[in-house]
Amino acid sequence: MGLSSTQIGAIGENLLINALMKASEGRLSPFQPLADDDGLDVLFFDKVTGNSVAIQLKCRTVSIRKKGSDERGNSVHFQVRQSTYREARKAYLVAALFDEGLTTFEAMWFLPMEMLPEIALDISGKYVIRPSKAPGSNDKYVPFRCLSALELAHRIIDICEN
């Protein structure tokens, strides 16, 4: 039967949250809303500074198919509903690509939500980003790429400290 995209997202989100707790050595403590109706999936509380970062998580296990082929390319498709986007809210998007077994991260991107209107595609009421997972990529998403959960944890902590 296979996992649905909703199930893959839930598993990926939990794996990512757990990886960030571990990478921060417990410094980042996650809080999830009881009702996810505002587009924010987790709030990471920094136990040292007392500050927190609101994050929308998007998780996938496959990249986009190459045109006219069953083969997968390097681009990964993530979308954020514009109805959940709030310009004035300080929040971030974590887009993560997992292997198909949902055991390891292939690539992650950490973007300020306020930048979505300028760097994402506007498609049918959704902001769409299509970063490349290729290690040598030079696309516009490279500055947002995190090579590990440790790097992502450090970026979240940096925001809490500043």
C-alpha atoms as a PDB file:
ATOM      1  CA  MET A   1       0.000   0.000   0.000  1.00  0.00           C
ATOM      2  CA  GLY A   2       2.735   2.501   0.923  1.00  0.00           C
ATOM      3  CA  LEU A   3       2.851   5.555   3.129  1.00  0.00           C
ATOM      4  CA  SER A   4       0.768   8.588   2.220  1.00  0.00           C
ATOM      5  CA  SER A   5       2.425  11.985   1.773  1.00  0.00           C
ATOM      6  CA  THR A   6       0.810  13.054   5.071  1.00  0.00           C
ATOM      7  CA  GLN A   7       2.343  10.062   6.870  1.00  0.00           C
ATOM      8  CA  ILE A   8       5.742  10.713   5.284  1.00  0.00           C
ATOM      9  CA  GLY A   9       5.506  14.339   6.411  1.00  0.00           C
ATOM     10  CA  ALA A  10       4.624  13.355   9.991  1.00  0.00           C
ATOM     11  CA  ILE A  11       7.449  10.820  10.211  1.00  0.00           C
ATOM     12  CA  GLY A  12       9.913  13.258   8.658  1.00  0.00           C
ATOM     13  CA  GLU A  13       8.886  16.070  10.999  1.00  0.00           C
ATOM     14  CA  ASN A  14       9.358  13.874  14.061  1.00  0.00           C
ATOM     15  CA  LEU A  15      12.739  12.606  12.840  1.00  0.00           C
ATOM     16  CA  LEU A  16      13.867  16.167  12.182  1.00  0.00           C
ATOM     17  CA  ILE A  17      12.670  17.416  15.576  1.00  0.00           C
ATOM     18  CA  ASN A  18      14.443  14.540  17.322  1.00  0.00           C
ATOM     19  CA  ALA A  19      17.633  15.140  15.329  1.00  0.00           C
ATOM     20  CA  LEU A  20      17.647  18.826  16.324  1.00  0.00           C
ATOM     21  CA  MET A  21      17.157  18.027  20.018  1.00  0.00           C
ATOM     22  CA  LYS A  22      20.062  15.592  19.804  1.00  0.00           C
ATOM     23  CA  ALA A  23      22.305  17.899  17.747  1.00  0.00           C
ATOM     24  CA  SER A  24      21.760  20.771  20.204  1.00  0.00           C
ATOM     25  CA  GLU A  25      22.525  18.416  23.124  1.00  0.00           C
ATOM     26  CA  GLY A  26      19.121  19.224  24.612  1.00  0.00           C
ATOM     27  CA  ARG A  27      19.500  22.984  24.367  1.00  0.00           C
ATOM     28  CA  LEU A  28      16.614  23.252  21.875  1.00  0.00           C
ATOM     29  CA  SER A  29      13.310  22.063  23.281  1.00  0.00           C
ATOM     30  CA  PRO A  30      10.463  21.533  20.780  1.00  0.00           C
ATOM     31  CA  PHE A  31       6.843  22.507  21.328  1.00  0.00           C
ATOM     32  CA  GLN A  32       4.138  21.488  18.879  1.00  0.00           C
ATOM     33  CA  PRO A  33       0.664  23.030  18.609  1.00  0.00           C
ATOM     34  CA  LEU A  34      -2.346  20.923  19.526  1.00  0.00           C
ATOM     35  CA  ALA A  35      -4.075  22.247  16.412  1.00  0.00           C
ATOM     36  CA  ASP A  36      -1.892  22.928  13.378  1.00  0.00           C
ATOM     37  CA  ASP A  37      -4.135  25.476  11.688  1.00  0.00           C
ATOM     38  CA  ASP A  38      -1.685  28.335  11.257  1.00  0.00           C
ATOM     39  CA  GLY A  39       1.116  26.748   9.264  1.00  0.00           C
ATOM     40  CA  LEU A  40       3.565  26.519  12.149  1.00  0.00           C
ATOM     41  CA  ASP A  41       4.602  23.006  13.040  1.00  0.00           C
ATOM     42  CA  VAL A  42       7.045  23.483  15.890  1.00  0.00           C
ATOM     43  CA  LEU A  43       8.425  26.129  18.198  1.00  0.00           C
ATOM     44  CA  PHE A  44      12.007  25.546  19.306  1.00  0.00           C
ATOM     45  CA  PHE A  45      12.661  27.028  22.743  1.00  0.00           C
ATOM     46  CA  ASP A  46      16.316  27.761  23.539  1.00  0.00           C
ATOM     47  CA  LYS A  47      16.880  26.833  27.182  1.00  0.00           C
ATOM     48  CA  VAL A  48      19.944  29.106  27.428  1.00  0.00           C
ATOM     49  CA  THR A  49      18.547  32.394  26.076  1.00  0.00           C
ATOM     50  CA  GLY A  50      14.851  31.853  26.792  1.00  0.00           C
ATOM     51  CA  ASN A  51      14.072  32.810  23.190  1.00  0.00           C
ATOM     52  CA  SER A  52      12.260  30.693  20.645  1.00  0.00           C
ATOM     53  CA  VAL A  53      11.991  30.208  16.888  1.00  0.00           C
ATOM     54  CA  ALA A  54       8.750  29.342  15.091  1.00  0.00           C
ATOM     55  CA  ILE A  55       9.182  26.890  12.237  1.00  0.00           C
ATOM     56  CA  GLN A  56       7.115  25.399   9.460  1.00  0.00           C
ATOM     57  CA  LEU A  57       8.483  22.000   8.485  1.00  0.00           C
ATOM     58  CA  LYS A  58       8.218  20.466   5.035  1.00  0.00           C
ATOM     59  CA  CYS A  59       9.569  16.961   4.511  1.00  0.00           C
ATOM     60  CA  ARG A  60       9.850  14.879   1.348  1.00  0.00           C
ATOM     61  CA  THR A  61      11.463  11.621   0.320  1.00  0.00           C
ATOM     62  CA  VAL A  62      11.750  12.117  -3.440  1.00  0.00           C
ATOM     63  CA  SER A  63      13.055  14.717  -5.845  1.00  0.00           C
ATOM     64  CA  ILE A  64      11.270  15.873  -9.008  1.00  0.00           C
ATOM     65  CA  ARG A  65      11.181  13.485 -11.970  1.00  0.00           C
ATOM     66  CA  LYS A  66      13.219  14.475 -15.000  1.00  0.00           C
ATOM     67  CA  LYS A  67      11.021  15.534 -17.922  1.00  0.00           C
ATOM     68  CA  GLY A  68       9.924  12.576 -20.009  1.00  0.00           C
ATOM     69  CA  SER A  69      11.618  10.071 -17.687  1.00  0.00           C
ATOM     70  CA  ASP A  70      10.971   7.949 -14.609  1.00  0.00           C
ATOM     71  CA  GLU A  71      14.396   8.973 -13.323  1.00  0.00           C
ATOM     72  CA  ARG A  72      14.612  11.446 -10.443  1.00  0.00           C
ATOM     73  CA  GLY A  73      16.552  14.661 -10.851  1.00  0.00           C
ATOM     74  CA  ASN A  74      18.254  16.882  -8.278  1.00  0.00           C
ATOM     75  CA  SER A  75      15.465  19.429  -7.775  1.00  0.00           C
ATOM     76  CA  VAL A  76      13.185  19.019  -4.774  1.00  0.00           C
ATOM     77  CA  HIS A  77       9.673  20.511  -4.701  1.00  0.00           C
ATOM     78  CA  PHE A  78       8.373  22.125  -1.489  1.00  0.00           C
ATOM     79  CA  GLN A  79       5.280  24.284  -1.201  1.00  0.00           C
ATOM     80  CA  VAL A  80       3.805  26.585   1.437  1.00  0.00           C
ATOM     81  CA  ARG A  81       0.174  27.640   1.274  1.00  0.00           C
ATOM     82  CA  GLN A  82      -0.017  31.412   1.016  1.00  0.00           C
ATOM     83  CA  SER A  83      -3.012  31.339   3.359  1.00  0.00           C
ATOM     84  CA  THR A  84      -0.655  30.296   6.194  1.00  0.00           C
ATOM     85  CA  TYR A  85       1.971  32.913   5.329  1.00  0.00           C
ATOM     86  CA  ARG A  86       2.102  36.005   7.571  1.00  0.00           C
ATOM     87  CA  GLU A  87       4.454  38.759   6.439  1.00  0.00           C
ATOM     88  CA  ALA A  88       4.742  40.354   9.876  1.00  0.00           C
ATOM     89  CA  ARG A  89       5.412  37.073  11.703  1.00  0.00           C
ATOM     90  CA  LYS A  90       9.009  36.112  12.330  1.00  0.00           C
ATOM     91  CA  ALA A  91       9.072  32.463  11.344  1.00  0.00           C
ATOM     92  CA  TYR A  92      11.233  30.105   9.332  1.00  0.00           C
ATOM     93  CA  LEU A  93      10.787  27.289   6.869  1.00  0.00           C
ATOM     94  CA  VAL A  94      12.776  24.097   7.188  1.00  0.00           C
ATOM     95  CA  ALA A  95      12.548  22.050   4.005  1.00  0.00           C
ATOM     96  CA  ALA A  96      14.082  18.605   4.376  1.00  0.00           C
ATOM     97  CA  LEU A  97      14.707  15.796   1.927  1.00  0.00           C
ATOM     98  CA  PHE A  98      14.991  12.337   3.479  1.00  0.00           C
ATOM     99  CA  ASP A  99      16.055   9.118   1.864  1.00  0.00           C
ATOM    100  CA  GLU A 100      13.159   6.900   0.808  1.00  0.00           C
ATOM    101  CA  GLY A 101      13.650   4.732   3.911  1.00  0.00           C
ATOM    102  CA  LEU A 102      13.100   7.797   6.136  1.00  0.00           C
ATOM    103  CA  THR A 103      16.342   7.193   8.007  1.00  0.00           C
ATOM    104  CA  THR A 104      18.759   9.936   6.921  1.00  0.00           C
ATOM    105  CA  PHE A 105      18.685  13.491   5.610  1.00  0.00           C
ATOM    106  CA  GLU A 106      19.866  14.000   2.056  1.00  0.00           C
ATOM    107  CA  ALA A 107      19.539  17.779   2.193  1.00  0.00           C
ATOM    108  CA  MET A 108      17.936  20.525   4.319  1.00  0.00           C
ATOM    109  CA  TRP A 109      17.225  24.218   3.782  1.00  0.00           C
ATOM    110  CA  PHE A 110      16.487  26.855   6.441  1.00  0.00           C
ATOM    111  CA  LEU A 111      14.789  29.973   5.068  1.00  0.00           C
ATOM    112  CA  PRO A 112      13.215  33.021   6.700  1.00  0.00           C
ATOM    113  CA  MET A 113       9.514  32.929   5.806  1.00  0.00           C
ATOM    114  CA  GLU A 114       9.630  36.669   5.106  1.00  0.00           C
ATOM    115  CA  MET A 115      11.828  35.917   2.065  1.00  0.00           C
ATOM    116  CA  LEU A 116       9.388  33.504   0.409  1.00  0.00           C
ATOM    117  CA  PRO A 117       7.597  36.120  -1.724  1.00  0.00           C
ATOM    118  CA  GLU A 118      10.894  37.197  -3.292  1.00  0.00           C
ATOM    119  CA  ILE A 119      12.642  33.838  -3.774  1.00  0.00           C
ATOM    120  CA  ALA A 120       9.784  31.368  -4.284  1.00  0.00           C
ATOM    121  CA  LEU A 121       7.548  30.788  -7.271  1.00  0.00           C
ATOM    122  CA  ASP A 122       3.934  31.912  -6.849  1.00  0.00           C
ATOM    123  CA  ILE A 123       1.844  28.994  -8.138  1.00  0.00           C
ATOM    124  CA  SER A 124      -1.908  28.693  -7.534  1.00  0.00           C
ATOM    125  CA  GLY A 125      -1.940  30.257  -4.070  1.00  0.00           C
ATOM    126  CA  LYS A 126       1.245  28.526  -2.952  1.00  0.00           C
ATOM    127  CA  TYR A 127       4.839  29.591  -2.547  1.00  0.00           C
ATOM    128  CA  VAL A 128       6.985  26.947  -4.241  1.00  0.00           C
ATOM    129  CA  ILE A 129      10.702  26.431  -3.825  1.00  0.00           C
ATOM    130  CA  ARG A 130      12.690  23.955  -5.894  1.00  0.00           C
ATOM    131  CA  PRO A 131      16.208  23.789  -4.503  1.00  0.00           C
ATOM    132  CA  SER A 132      18.774  21.390  -5.875  1.00  0.00           C
ATOM    133  CA  LYS A 133      20.026  18.556  -3.683  1.00  0.00           C
ATOM    134  CA  ALA A 134      23.212  18.279  -5.751  1.00  0.00           C
ATOM    135  CA  PRO A 135      26.272  18.835  -3.536  1.00  0.00           C
ATOM    136  CA  GLY A 136      27.897  21.176  -6.081  1.00  0.00           C
ATOM    137  CA  SER A 137      24.754  23.157  -6.810  1.00  0.00           C
ATOM    138  CA  ASN A 138      25.037  26.905  -7.218  1.00  0.00           C
ATOM    139  CA  ASP A 139      21.317  27.741  -7.169  1.00  0.00           C
ATOM    140  CA  LYS A 140      19.759  30.613  -5.217  1.00  0.00           C
ATOM    141  CA  TYR A 141      18.998  28.296  -2.298  1.00  0.00           C
ATOM    142  CA  VAL A 142      22.642  27.438  -1.510  1.00  0.00           C
ATOM    143  CA  PRO A 143      22.923  30.076   1.283  1.00  0.00           C
ATOM    144  CA  PHE A 144      19.993  28.401   3.043  1.00  0.00           C
ATOM    145  CA  ARG A 145      21.273  24.844   2.754  1.00  0.00           C
ATOM    146  CA  CYS A 146      22.295  22.983   5.895  1.00  0.00           C
ATOM    147  CA  LEU A 147      24.584  20.016   5.492  1.00  0.00           C
ATOM    148  CA  SER A 148      23.648  18.424   8.822  1.00  0.00           C
ATOM    149  CA  ALA A 149      21.224  18.573  11.726  1.00  0.00           C
ATOM    150  CA  LEU A 150      24.083  20.072  13.758  1.00  0.00           C
ATOM    151  CA  GLU A 151      24.418  22.977  11.313  1.00  0.00           C
ATOM    152  CA  LEU A 152      20.646  23.522  11.364  1.00  0.00           C
ATOM    153  CA  ALA A 153      20.623  23.468  15.183  1.00  0.00           C
ATOM    154  CA  HIS A 154      23.439  26.058  15.224  1.00  0.00           C
ATOM    155  CA  ARG A 155      21.490  28.327  12.861  1.00  0.00           C
ATOM    156  CA  ILE A 156      18.405  28.149  15.089  1.00  0.00           C
ATOM    157  CA  ILE A 157      20.523  28.850  18.177  1.00  0.00           C
ATOM    158  CA  ASP A 158      22.175  31.820  16.404  1.00  0.00           C
ATOM    159  CA  ILE A 159      18.729  33.337  15.834  1.00  0.00           C
ATOM    160  CA  CYS A 160      17.846  32.827  19.493  1.00  0.00           C
ATOM    161  CA  GLU A 161      21.101  34.500  20.580  1.00  0.00           C
ATOM    162  CA  ASN A 162      20.647  37.520  18.321  1.00  0.00           C
END
